[in-house]
Amino acid sequence: MQHILSRLVQAAFTMVGAVTILFLIVRLTPGDPAYIMLGDYATPELVAVVRERYGLDKSLPTQYLTYVTNIATGNFGRSYSRNQDVMTLVGSALPYTLALGLASIVVTSVIGLPLGVLAALKRNTPADAGSMVIALLGVAAPGFLLALLMIYSLSYQLGLFPVRGAGEGTDLLTQLRYLTLPAVALGFHSAALVARTTRSALLGVLGEDYLRTARAKGLGQAALLWGHAMRNALIPVLAVLGLQFGQLLGGAGVIEIVFGRPGLGKLLIDAILSRDYPLSQALISVLLAGVIVVNLVTDILYGYVDPRIRHA
């Protein structure tokens, strides 16, 4: 319990620091939202009216106090560019990004872990070399390039998957077909890193004295691998998975644009380009909270995988 409480306190301080830095970065971004909203109709008088309406004429400390208060109460205001409640916009896009993030984590785990285990168990064999070649390609290939290649080959040429959209309003199976290519494009890079990490961690554990002793006593390969080796090798793998979740969320915007999917990433890019402070702040705050929560869960899982960490 003390381990969990300490991680919760750290997560709270991390979130406070993150939203403060976010506030400053958004405000220091070049471009005045009032001029962008008014466009060709911008005059000094109208700009002053718009700035007063949205509180942009107030000092930075006053704006920061309002910003923190809004976060605490869950009221992020109205979008400058869309003139809608910010949380309504976030709520409508969040399910699509959550589905893409979870699906990409599944892709990462389903591809990365078996490849890493295979490479470790078949060290210095063609299977090891082949697994690491796939991992190297995954690390080197940008997600958007893989997305375009899959769209051309699997969608245009073979017609196996839809090209654009998220299958809104369709049945679950159809939505999964729309989700498959974006999830693979987003998760393949992380899968490659997980494969390399799993191989290295497992090779280190398989060389430990206690495993050699267990093998000498006649313990089977499956019992050695899943009962002893993988448990100790999971610590660095969990660390990579936790860190990669943030990378997945950061890369979701590009993938959502390539595949024409609605989601937080695409909405965030639009908000940044239009200098929409409330929408940008809300979206980045949600993404930051997601990353912090996942890393908190990862830290807690460390303690259950390795009790020495829990009691440290």
Protein backbone atom coordinates (compact mmCIF):
# COMPACT_ATOMS: atom_id res chain seq x y z
CA MET A 1 0.00 0.00 0.00
CA GLN A 2 2.84 2.41 0.82
CA HIS A 3 4.32 1.70 -2.62
CA ILE A 4 1.01 2.62 -4.29
CA LEU A 5 0.54 5.79 -2.19
CA SER A 6 4.03 7.04 -2.98
CA ARG A 7 3.41 6.53 -6.70
CA LEU A 8 0.06 8.36 -6.45
CA VAL A 9 1.75 11.36 -4.82
CA GLN A 10 4.43 11.39 -7.52
CA ALA A 11 1.76 11.19 -10.22
CA ALA A 12 -0.12 14.15 -8.70
CA PHE A 13 3.00 16.34 -8.62
CA THR A 14 3.86 15.28 -12.15
CA MET A 15 0.41 16.28 -13.38
CA VAL A 16 0.63 19.72 -11.69
CA GLY A 17 4.02 20.37 -13.26
CA ALA A 18 2.86 19.12 -16.65
CA VAL A 19 -0.26 21.32 -16.83
CA THR A 20 1.80 24.36 -15.75
CA ILE A 21 4.34 23.79 -18.51
CA LEU A 22 1.46 23.17 -20.92
CA PHE A 23 -0.11 26.52 -20.03
CA LEU A 24 3.15 28.37 -20.71
CA ILE A 25 3.87 26.54 -23.97
CA VAL A 26 0.40 27.23 -25.35
CA ARG A 27 0.61 30.91 -24.43
CA LEU A 28 4.12 31.30 -25.90
CA THR A 29 3.11 29.78 -29.25
CA PRO A 30 3.31 32.53 -31.92
CA GLY A 31 0.00 33.86 -33.18
CA ASP A 32 -2.90 35.72 -31.59
CA PRO A 33 -6.14 33.67 -31.37
CA ALA A 34 -8.21 36.84 -31.77
CA TYR A 35 -6.64 37.67 -35.14
CA ILE A 36 -6.97 34.05 -36.30
CA MET A 37 -10.66 33.91 -35.33
CA LEU A 38 -11.48 37.21 -37.05
CA GLY A 39 -9.41 36.54 -40.15
CA ASP A 40 -9.85 39.24 -42.80
CA TYR A 41 -12.30 41.10 -40.55
CA ALA A 42 -9.69 41.78 -37.85
CA THR A 43 -9.58 45.40 -36.76
CA PRO A 44 -8.05 46.77 -33.56
CA GLU A 45 -11.53 47.34 -32.11
CA LEU A 46 -12.85 43.86 -32.93
CA VAL A 47 -9.62 42.24 -31.73
CA ALA A 48 -9.97 44.06 -28.40
CA VAL A 49 -13.58 42.85 -28.07
CA VAL A 50 -12.64 39.24 -28.79
CA ARG A 51 -9.66 39.33 -26.41
CA GLU A 52 -11.87 40.71 -23.64
CA ARG A 53 -14.61 38.13 -24.33
CA TYR A 54 -12.23 35.19 -23.94
CA GLY A 55 -10.11 36.69 -21.14
CA LEU A 56 -7.04 37.06 -23.34
CA ASP A 57 -6.58 40.65 -22.20
CA LYS A 58 -5.88 39.59 -18.62
CA SER A 59 -2.40 39.04 -17.19
CA LEU A 60 -0.74 35.62 -17.40
CA PRO A 61 -1.06 34.93 -13.62
CA THR A 62 -4.80 35.66 -13.82
CA GLN A 63 -5.19 33.44 -16.88
CA TYR A 64 -3.22 30.68 -15.13
CA LEU A 65 -5.44 30.88 -12.02
CA THR A 66 -8.53 30.62 -14.23
CA TYR A 67 -6.95 27.71 -16.11
CA VAL A 68 -6.13 25.76 -12.94
CA THR A 69 -9.59 26.43 -11.49
CA ASN A 70 -11.21 25.18 -14.69
CA ILE A 71 -9.14 21.99 -14.63
CA ALA A 72 -10.08 21.36 -11.00
CA THR A 73 -13.79 21.78 -11.79
CA GLY A 74 -13.70 20.02 -15.18
CA ASN A 75 -14.81 23.18 -16.98
CA PHE A 76 -12.46 23.90 -19.88
CA GLY A 77 -14.67 26.55 -21.45
CA ARG A 78 -15.67 26.88 -25.09
CA SER A 79 -13.57 26.26 -28.15
CA TYR A 80 -12.45 29.44 -29.92
CA SER A 81 -12.50 27.90 -33.37
CA ARG A 82 -15.62 25.71 -33.10
CA ASN A 83 -17.71 27.67 -30.57
CA GLN A 84 -18.66 24.46 -28.77
CA ASP A 85 -18.13 23.21 -25.25
CA VAL A 86 -14.59 21.85 -25.09
CA MET A 87 -15.44 18.74 -23.06
CA THR A 88 -18.21 17.87 -25.51
CA LEU A 89 -15.66 17.92 -28.33
CA VAL A 90 -13.18 15.90 -26.28
CA GLY A 91 -15.85 13.39 -25.25
CA SER A 92 -16.91 12.80 -28.86
CA ALA A 93 -13.33 12.15 -30.03
CA LEU A 94 -12.00 10.26 -26.99
CA PRO A 95 -13.56 6.81 -27.74
CA TYR A 96 -11.86 6.66 -31.16
CA THR A 97 -8.42 7.46 -29.74
CA LEU A 98 -8.91 5.05 -26.82
CA ALA A 99 -9.87 2.28 -29.24
CA LEU A 100 -6.83 3.03 -31.42
CA GLY A 101 -4.48 3.22 -28.41
CA LEU A 102 -5.70 -0.05 -26.88
CA ALA A 103 -5.62 -1.83 -30.23
CA SER A 104 -2.07 -0.61 -30.91
CA ILE A 105 -0.95 -1.87 -27.47
CA VAL A 106 -2.45 -5.26 -28.34
CA VAL A 107 -0.54 -5.20 -31.65
CA THR A 108 2.64 -4.22 -29.80
CA SER A 109 2.30 -7.07 -27.32
CA VAL A 110 1.09 -9.75 -29.76
CA ILE A 111 3.92 -9.06 -32.21
CA GLY A 112 6.73 -7.87 -29.92
CA LEU A 113 6.65 -10.42 -27.10
CA PRO A 114 6.57 -13.61 -29.24
CA LEU A 115 9.29 -12.24 -31.55
CA GLY A 116 11.52 -11.42 -28.57
CA VAL A 117 10.94 -14.81 -26.91
CA LEU A 118 11.59 -16.65 -30.18
CA ALA A 119 14.82 -14.72 -30.78
CA ALA A 120 16.05 -15.42 -27.24
CA LEU A 121 15.22 -19.15 -27.31
CA LYS A 122 16.70 -19.57 -30.83
CA ARG A 123 19.76 -17.40 -30.27
CA ASN A 124 22.23 -17.22 -33.18
CA THR A 125 19.90 -19.14 -35.50
CA PRO A 126 18.00 -18.04 -38.64
CA ALA A 127 14.89 -17.57 -36.46
CA ASP A 128 16.81 -15.13 -34.25
CA ALA A 129 18.18 -13.25 -37.26
CA GLY A 130 14.77 -13.10 -38.93
CA SER A 131 13.07 -11.80 -35.78
CA MET A 132 15.66 -9.07 -35.34
CA VAL A 133 15.41 -8.06 -39.02
CA ILE A 134 11.66 -7.57 -38.54
CA ALA A 135 12.38 -5.59 -35.36
CA LEU A 136 14.96 -3.44 -37.17
CA LEU A 137 12.48 -2.69 -39.96
CA GLY A 138 9.89 -1.73 -37.35
CA VAL A 139 12.28 0.68 -35.64
CA ALA A 140 13.47 2.23 -38.92
CA ALA A 141 10.13 2.57 -40.75
CA PRO A 142 8.02 5.65 -39.85
CA GLY A 143 4.42 4.87 -38.93
CA PHE A 144 2.95 7.01 -41.71
CA LEU A 145 5.07 5.23 -44.34
CA LEU A 146 3.88 1.83 -43.13
CA ALA A 147 0.32 3.20 -43.14
CA LEU A 148 0.61 4.33 -46.78
CA LEU A 149 2.13 1.01 -47.85
CA MET A 150 -0.66 -0.94 -46.15
CA ILE A 151 -3.34 1.31 -47.65
CA TYR A 152 -1.92 0.75 -51.14
CA SER A 153 -1.40 -3.00 -50.84
CA LEU A 154 -4.16 -4.20 -48.51
CA SER A 155 -6.86 -1.64 -49.30
CA TYR A 156 -6.45 -0.49 -52.92
CA GLN A 157 -4.88 -3.62 -54.38
CA LEU A 158 -6.56 -6.40 -52.38
CA GLY A 159 -9.61 -4.60 -50.98
CA LEU A 160 -9.29 -6.33 -47.60
CA PHE A 161 -9.67 -3.25 -45.41
CA PRO A 162 -11.42 0.14 -45.69
CA VAL A 163 -9.24 3.10 -46.60
CA ARG A 164 -10.67 5.96 -44.53
CA GLY A 165 -12.92 6.56 -41.56
CA ALA A 166 -13.73 4.67 -38.37
CA GLY A 167 -16.91 2.90 -39.41
CA GLU A 168 -19.12 5.20 -37.34
CA GLY A 169 -22.59 3.78 -36.83
CA THR A 170 -21.70 0.32 -38.13
CA ASP A 171 -21.51 -3.04 -36.34
CA LEU A 172 -18.54 -4.07 -34.20
CA LEU A 173 -16.94 -6.32 -36.82
CA THR A 174 -16.96 -3.53 -39.40
CA GLN A 175 -15.45 -1.09 -36.91
CA LEU A 176 -12.68 -3.60 -36.17
CA ARG A 177 -11.92 -3.78 -39.91
CA TYR A 178 -11.58 0.01 -39.96
CA LEU A 179 -9.35 -0.17 -36.86
CA THR A 180 -6.95 -2.92 -37.99
CA LEU A 181 -4.65 -1.00 -40.33
CA PRO A 182 -4.33 2.12 -38.12
CA ALA A 183 -3.56 -0.07 -35.09
CA VAL A 184 -0.85 -2.02 -36.94
CA ALA A 185 0.66 1.17 -38.40
CA LEU A 186 0.76 2.78 -34.95
CA GLY A 187 1.83 -0.25 -32.93
CA PHE A 188 4.43 -1.88 -35.18
CA HIS A 189 7.25 0.50 -34.20
CA SER A 190 6.63 -0.16 -30.51
CA ALA A 191 6.39 -3.89 -31.19
CA ALA A 192 9.89 -3.80 -32.64
CA LEU A 193 11.27 -2.12 -29.51
CA VAL A 194 9.44 -4.60 -27.27
CA ALA A 195 10.89 -7.50 -29.28
CA ARG A 196 14.45 -6.24 -28.89
CA THR A 197 13.95 -5.53 -25.18
CA THR A 198 12.35 -8.94 -24.55
CA ARG A 199 15.22 -10.72 -26.29
CA SER A 200 17.89 -8.88 -24.30
CA ALA A 201 16.08 -9.27 -20.96
CA LEU A 202 15.29 -12.94 -21.50
CA LEU A 203 18.85 -13.78 -22.57
CA GLY A 204 20.15 -12.16 -19.40
CA VAL A 205 17.74 -14.12 -17.20
CA LEU A 206 18.31 -17.46 -18.98
CA GLY A 207 21.98 -17.24 -18.05
CA GLU A 208 21.31 -16.97 -14.31
CA ASP A 209 22.59 -19.72 -12.01
CA TYR A 210 19.19 -20.56 -10.52
CA LEU A 211 17.79 -21.36 -13.97
CA ARG A 212 20.74 -23.59 -14.81
CA THR A 213 20.18 -25.39 -11.51
CA ALA A 214 16.46 -25.81 -12.23
CA ARG A 215 17.27 -27.12 -15.72
CA ALA A 216 19.79 -29.59 -14.27
CA LYS A 217 17.09 -30.88 -11.91
CA GLY A 218 14.95 -31.77 -14.90
CA LEU A 219 12.50 -28.84 -14.99
CA GLY A 220 10.87 -28.61 -18.43
CA GLN A 221 11.50 -25.81 -20.92
CA ALA A 222 7.95 -24.43 -20.65
CA ALA A 223 8.05 -24.37 -16.83
CA LEU A 224 11.46 -22.69 -16.90
CA LEU A 225 10.32 -20.06 -19.38
CA TRP A 226 6.87 -19.14 -18.08
CA GLY A 227 7.30 -20.03 -14.42
CA HIS A 228 10.64 -18.36 -13.76
CA ALA A 229 12.40 -16.60 -16.64
CA MET A 230 9.57 -14.45 -18.05
CA ARG A 231 8.56 -13.15 -14.62
CA ASN A 232 12.02 -11.68 -14.06
CA ALA A 233 12.42 -10.54 -17.67
CA LEU A 234 9.13 -8.60 -17.59
CA ILE A 235 10.50 -5.60 -15.64
CA PRO A 236 12.30 -3.91 -18.58
CA VAL A 237 9.52 -5.01 -20.95
CA LEU A 238 6.89 -3.30 -18.80
CA ALA A 239 9.06 -0.19 -18.69
CA VAL A 240 9.19 -0.08 -22.50
CA LEU A 241 5.44 -0.69 -22.80
CA GLY A 242 4.71 2.14 -20.36
CA LEU A 243 7.00 4.57 -22.18
CA GLN A 244 5.73 3.52 -25.59
CA PHE A 245 2.14 4.29 -24.62
CA GLY A 246 3.05 7.98 -24.60
CA GLN A 247 4.69 7.58 -28.00
CA LEU A 248 1.55 5.88 -29.30
CA LEU A 249 -0.64 8.74 -28.14
CA GLY A 250 1.76 11.26 -29.65
CA GLY A 251 1.78 9.47 -33.00
CA ALA A 252 -1.97 8.91 -33.07
CA GLY A 253 -2.62 12.29 -34.66
CA VAL A 254 -0.60 11.48 -37.80
CA ILE A 255 -2.21 8.04 -38.16
CA GLU A 256 -5.69 9.50 -37.63
CA ILE A 257 -5.05 12.04 -40.38
CA VAL A 258 -3.68 9.40 -42.81
CA PHE A 259 -6.69 7.14 -42.24
CA GLY A 260 -9.24 9.94 -41.87
CA ARG A 261 -10.23 8.80 -38.37
CA PRO A 262 -11.86 11.17 -35.88
CA GLY A 263 -9.90 11.30 -32.64
CA LEU A 264 -8.02 13.40 -30.11
CA GLY A 265 -4.83 13.53 -32.17
CA LYS A 266 -6.47 14.97 -35.27
CA LEU A 267 -8.55 17.34 -33.15
CA LEU A 268 -5.40 18.52 -31.33
CA ILE A 269 -3.55 19.29 -34.55
CA ASP A 270 -6.51 21.35 -35.76
CA ALA A 271 -6.69 23.17 -32.39
CA ILE A 272 -2.98 24.02 -32.39
CA LEU A 273 -3.10 25.35 -35.95
CA SER A 274 -6.05 27.59 -35.07
CA ARG A 275 -4.45 28.72 -31.73
CA ASP A 276 -7.50 27.40 -29.89
CA TYR A 277 -6.18 27.68 -26.31
CA PRO A 278 -9.07 26.01 -24.42
CA LEU A 279 -9.32 23.06 -26.80
CA SER A 280 -5.53 22.60 -27.02
CA GLN A 281 -5.18 22.70 -23.24
CA ALA A 282 -8.02 20.25 -22.66
CA LEU A 283 -6.77 17.77 -25.25
CA ILE A 284 -3.15 17.83 -24.08
CA SER A 285 -4.30 17.59 -20.44
CA VAL A 286 -6.31 14.46 -21.28
CA LEU A 287 -3.36 12.93 -23.14
CA LEU A 288 -0.97 13.82 -20.30
CA ALA A 289 -3.35 12.29 -17.77
CA GLY A 290 -3.50 9.12 -19.86
CA VAL A 291 0.30 8.85 -20.01
CA ILE A 292 0.64 9.50 -16.26
CA VAL A 293 -2.04 6.95 -15.38
CA VAL A 294 -0.44 4.29 -17.60
CA ASN A 295 2.99 4.93 -16.08
CA LEU A 296 1.44 4.80 -12.60
CA VAL A 297 -0.14 1.44 -13.39
CA THR A 298 3.21 0.27 -14.80
CA ASP A 299 5.01 1.30 -11.59
CA ILE A 300 2.46 -0.59 -9.52
CA LEU A 301 2.82 -3.66 -11.73
CA TYR A 302 6.58 -3.56 -11.13
CA GLY A 303 5.88 -4.19 -7.46
CA TYR A 304 3.73 -7.24 -8.18
CA VAL A 305 6.17 -8.70 -10.70
CA ASP A 306 9.16 -8.10 -8.40
CA PRO A 307 8.32 -7.85 -4.65
CA ARG A 308 11.76 -6.33 -3.99
CA ILE A 309 10.58 -3.14 -5.70
CA ARG A 310 7.35 -3.08 -3.68
CA HIS A 311 9.25 -3.25 -0.40
CA ALA A 312 12.08 -0.91 -1.39
